[in-house]
Amino acid sequence: MPKMKTNKAAARRFKITSTGKILRRQAGKRHLNEWKSANDKRNLGGWVALSKDQEKNVRELFPYPKYVG
């Protein structure tokens, strides 16, 4: 059997933790930052857990459960 391929677009956008949670980057920090407070911009940094209803769709893009992108 050939190996299954991981969706590389998903691999760049999401991380899978060792406990199996899927993490995503937060939106809203790409542009129009001049009008946002420093506190807002700081809070938009980092990774947050994906919501449960989206998790099933993203999990299908990773054929191997332990894949970390």
N, C-alpha and C. Protein backbone atom coordinates (compact mmCIF):
# COMPACT_ATOMS: atom_id res chain seq x y z
N MET A 1 0.84 -1.20 0.00
CA MET A 1 0.00 0.00 0.00
C MET A 1 0.88 1.25 0.00
N PRO A 2 0.53 2.21 -0.83
CA PRO A 2 1.29 3.46 -0.79
C PRO A 2 0.91 4.27 0.45
N LYS A 3 1.80 5.19 0.79
CA LYS A 3 1.52 6.06 1.93
C LYS A 3 0.41 7.03 1.58
N MET A 4 -0.37 7.40 2.58
CA MET A 4 -1.38 8.44 2.38
C MET A 4 -0.70 9.79 2.50
N LYS A 5 -1.19 10.76 1.74
CA LYS A 5 -0.58 12.08 1.75
C LYS A 5 -1.33 13.01 2.70
N THR A 6 -0.55 13.79 3.45
CA THR A 6 -1.12 14.83 4.30
C THR A 6 -1.40 16.05 3.45
N ASN A 7 -2.52 16.70 3.71
CA ASN A 7 -2.83 17.95 3.02
C ASN A 7 -1.84 19.01 3.50
N LYS A 8 -0.97 19.47 2.62
CA LYS A 8 0.12 20.36 3.03
C LYS A 8 -0.38 21.76 3.38
N ALA A 9 -1.48 22.19 2.79
CA ALA A 9 -2.04 23.49 3.17
C ALA A 9 -2.50 23.45 4.62
N ALA A 10 -3.12 22.34 5.02
CA ALA A 10 -3.56 22.19 6.41
C ALA A 10 -2.36 22.05 7.34
N ALA A 11 -1.32 21.38 6.88
CA ALA A 11 -0.14 21.19 7.72
C ALA A 11 0.52 22.52 8.06
N ARG A 12 0.42 23.49 7.15
CA ARG A 12 1.01 24.80 7.42
C ARG A 12 0.14 25.65 8.33
N ARG A 13 -1.16 25.37 8.36
CA ARG A 13 -2.09 26.22 9.11
C ARG A 13 -2.41 25.71 10.50
N PHE A 14 -2.25 24.42 10.73
CA PHE A 14 -2.66 23.83 12.00
C PHE A 14 -1.51 23.06 12.63
N LYS A 15 -1.56 22.95 13.96
CA LYS A 15 -0.62 22.10 14.69
C LYS A 15 -1.44 21.10 15.50
N ILE A 16 -0.94 19.89 15.61
CA ILE A 16 -1.58 18.89 16.45
C ILE A 16 -0.69 18.66 17.66
N THR A 17 -1.25 18.82 18.85
CA THR A 17 -0.48 18.64 20.07
C THR A 17 -0.32 17.16 20.37
N SER A 18 0.53 16.85 21.33
CA SER A 18 0.75 15.45 21.69
C SER A 18 -0.50 14.83 22.32
N THR A 19 -1.38 15.68 22.89
CA THR A 19 -2.62 15.16 23.46
C THR A 19 -3.73 15.04 22.42
N GLY A 20 -3.48 15.51 21.18
CA GLY A 20 -4.45 15.35 20.11
C GLY A 20 -5.27 16.59 19.81
N LYS A 21 -5.04 17.69 20.53
CA LYS A 21 -5.77 18.91 20.23
C LYS A 21 -5.23 19.54 18.95
N ILE A 22 -6.11 20.22 18.21
CA ILE A 22 -5.69 20.91 16.99
C ILE A 22 -5.66 22.40 17.29
N LEU A 23 -4.53 23.04 16.98
CA LEU A 23 -4.35 24.46 17.25
C LEU A 23 -4.35 25.24 15.94
N ARG A 24 -4.85 26.47 16.01
CA ARG A 24 -4.86 27.35 14.85
C ARG A 24 -4.35 28.72 15.27
N ARG A 25 -3.95 29.53 14.28
CA ARG A 25 -3.56 30.91 14.54
C ARG A 25 -4.82 31.76 14.62
N GLN A 26 -4.74 32.87 15.33
CA GLN A 26 -5.89 33.75 15.46
C GLN A 26 -5.93 34.73 14.29
N ALA A 27 -7.13 35.04 13.85
CA ALA A 27 -7.32 35.96 12.74
C ALA A 27 -7.35 37.39 13.24
N GLY A 28 -7.13 38.34 12.34
CA GLY A 28 -7.33 39.74 12.67
C GLY A 28 -6.07 40.52 12.95
N LYS A 29 -4.91 39.98 12.61
CA LYS A 29 -3.68 40.70 12.90
C LYS A 29 -2.88 41.02 11.64
N ARG A 30 -3.46 40.80 10.47
CA ARG A 30 -2.72 40.98 9.22
C ARG A 30 -2.66 42.44 8.77
N HIS A 31 -3.76 43.17 8.94
CA HIS A 31 -3.78 44.56 8.46
C HIS A 31 -4.72 45.37 9.33
N LEU A 32 -4.75 46.67 9.09
CA LEU A 32 -5.53 47.63 9.88
C LEU A 32 -5.11 47.61 11.35
N ASN A 33 -3.83 47.39 11.59
CA ASN A 33 -3.34 47.31 12.96
C ASN A 33 -3.10 48.68 13.58
N GLU A 34 -3.09 49.71 12.75
CA GLU A 34 -2.83 51.06 13.27
C GLU A 34 -3.93 51.50 14.23
N TRP A 35 -5.13 50.97 14.04
CA TRP A 35 -6.26 51.41 14.85
C TRP A 35 -6.57 50.47 15.99
N LYS A 36 -5.85 49.39 16.08
CA LYS A 36 -6.07 48.44 17.17
C LYS A 36 -5.16 48.80 18.34
N SER A 37 -5.66 48.54 19.54
CA SER A 37 -4.85 48.83 20.72
C SER A 37 -3.73 47.80 20.83
N ALA A 38 -2.69 48.16 21.55
CA ALA A 38 -1.57 47.25 21.74
C ALA A 38 -2.05 46.00 22.46
N ASN A 39 -3.00 46.16 23.36
CA ASN A 39 -3.53 45.01 24.10
C ASN A 39 -4.24 44.04 23.16
N ASP A 40 -5.04 44.59 22.23
CA ASP A 40 -5.74 43.73 21.26
C ASP A 40 -4.75 42.97 20.39
N LYS A 41 -3.73 43.68 19.91
CA LYS A 41 -2.76 43.03 19.03
C LYS A 41 -1.97 41.96 19.78
N ARG A 42 -1.65 42.23 21.01
CA ARG A 42 -0.92 41.25 21.81
C ARG A 42 -1.76 40.00 22.05
N ASN A 43 -3.04 40.19 22.31
CA ASN A 43 -3.92 39.04 22.56
C ASN A 43 -4.19 38.22 21.31
N LEU A 44 -4.01 38.81 20.12
CA LEU A 44 -4.24 38.07 18.88
C LEU A 44 -3.06 37.19 18.50
N GLY A 45 -1.94 37.33 19.17
CA GLY A 45 -0.79 36.49 18.88
C GLY A 45 -0.97 35.11 19.46
N GLY A 46 -0.19 34.18 18.98
CA GLY A 46 -0.20 32.84 19.55
C GLY A 46 -1.23 31.91 18.93
N TRP A 47 -1.37 30.75 19.55
CA TRP A 47 -2.21 29.68 19.05
C TRP A 47 -3.39 29.48 19.98
N VAL A 48 -4.54 29.10 19.41
CA VAL A 48 -5.73 28.77 20.19
C VAL A 48 -6.28 27.44 19.68
N ALA A 49 -7.02 26.75 20.53
CA ALA A 49 -7.60 25.46 20.15
C ALA A 49 -8.73 25.67 19.15
N LEU A 50 -8.84 24.74 18.24
CA LEU A 50 -9.89 24.77 17.23
C LEU A 50 -11.21 24.38 17.88
N SER A 51 -12.30 24.95 17.41
CA SER A 51 -13.61 24.60 17.96
C SER A 51 -13.95 23.16 17.58
N LYS A 52 -14.79 22.54 18.40
CA LYS A 52 -15.11 21.12 18.22
C LYS A 52 -15.82 20.84 16.91
N ASP A 53 -16.67 21.78 16.44
CA ASP A 53 -17.40 21.51 15.20
C ASP A 53 -16.49 21.59 13.98
N GLN A 54 -15.38 22.33 14.05
CA GLN A 54 -14.44 22.39 12.94
C GLN A 54 -13.38 21.31 13.01
N GLU A 55 -13.21 20.76 14.19
CA GLU A 55 -12.12 19.80 14.39
C GLU A 55 -12.28 18.55 13.52
N LYS A 56 -13.50 18.08 13.36
CA LYS A 56 -13.73 16.88 12.55
C LYS A 56 -13.30 17.08 11.10
N ASN A 57 -13.60 18.25 10.54
CA ASN A 57 -13.23 18.52 9.15
C ASN A 57 -11.72 18.59 8.98
N VAL A 58 -11.05 19.21 9.93
CA VAL A 58 -9.59 19.36 9.82
C VAL A 58 -8.90 18.03 10.03
N ARG A 59 -9.44 17.20 10.91
CA ARG A 59 -8.83 15.91 11.20
C ARG A 59 -8.78 15.01 9.97
N GLU A 60 -9.73 15.17 9.05
CA GLU A 60 -9.73 14.37 7.83
C GLU A 60 -8.57 14.70 6.91
N LEU A 61 -7.97 15.89 7.07
CA LEU A 61 -6.86 16.30 6.22
C LEU A 61 -5.53 15.73 6.69
N PHE A 62 -5.51 15.17 7.91
CA PHE A 62 -4.32 14.55 8.47
C PHE A 62 -4.55 13.04 8.57
N PRO A 63 -4.01 12.25 7.64
CA PRO A 63 -4.30 10.82 7.65
C PRO A 63 -3.66 10.08 8.82
N TYR A 64 -2.58 10.63 9.36
CA TYR A 64 -1.91 9.97 10.48
C TYR A 64 -2.14 10.78 11.74
N PRO A 65 -2.60 10.14 12.81
CA PRO A 65 -3.02 10.88 14.01
C PRO A 65 -1.88 11.62 14.69
N LYS A 66 -0.66 11.15 14.58
CA LYS A 66 0.43 11.78 15.30
C LYS A 66 1.17 12.83 14.47
N TYR A 67 0.66 13.13 13.28
CA TYR A 67 1.35 14.10 12.42
C TYR A 67 1.35 15.48 13.07
N VAL A 68 2.51 16.10 13.13
CA VAL A 68 2.62 17.46 13.66
C VAL A 68 3.20 18.32 12.54
N GLY A 69 2.41 19.30 12.06
CA GLY A 69 2.83 20.12 10.94
C GLY A 69 3.76 21.23 11.31
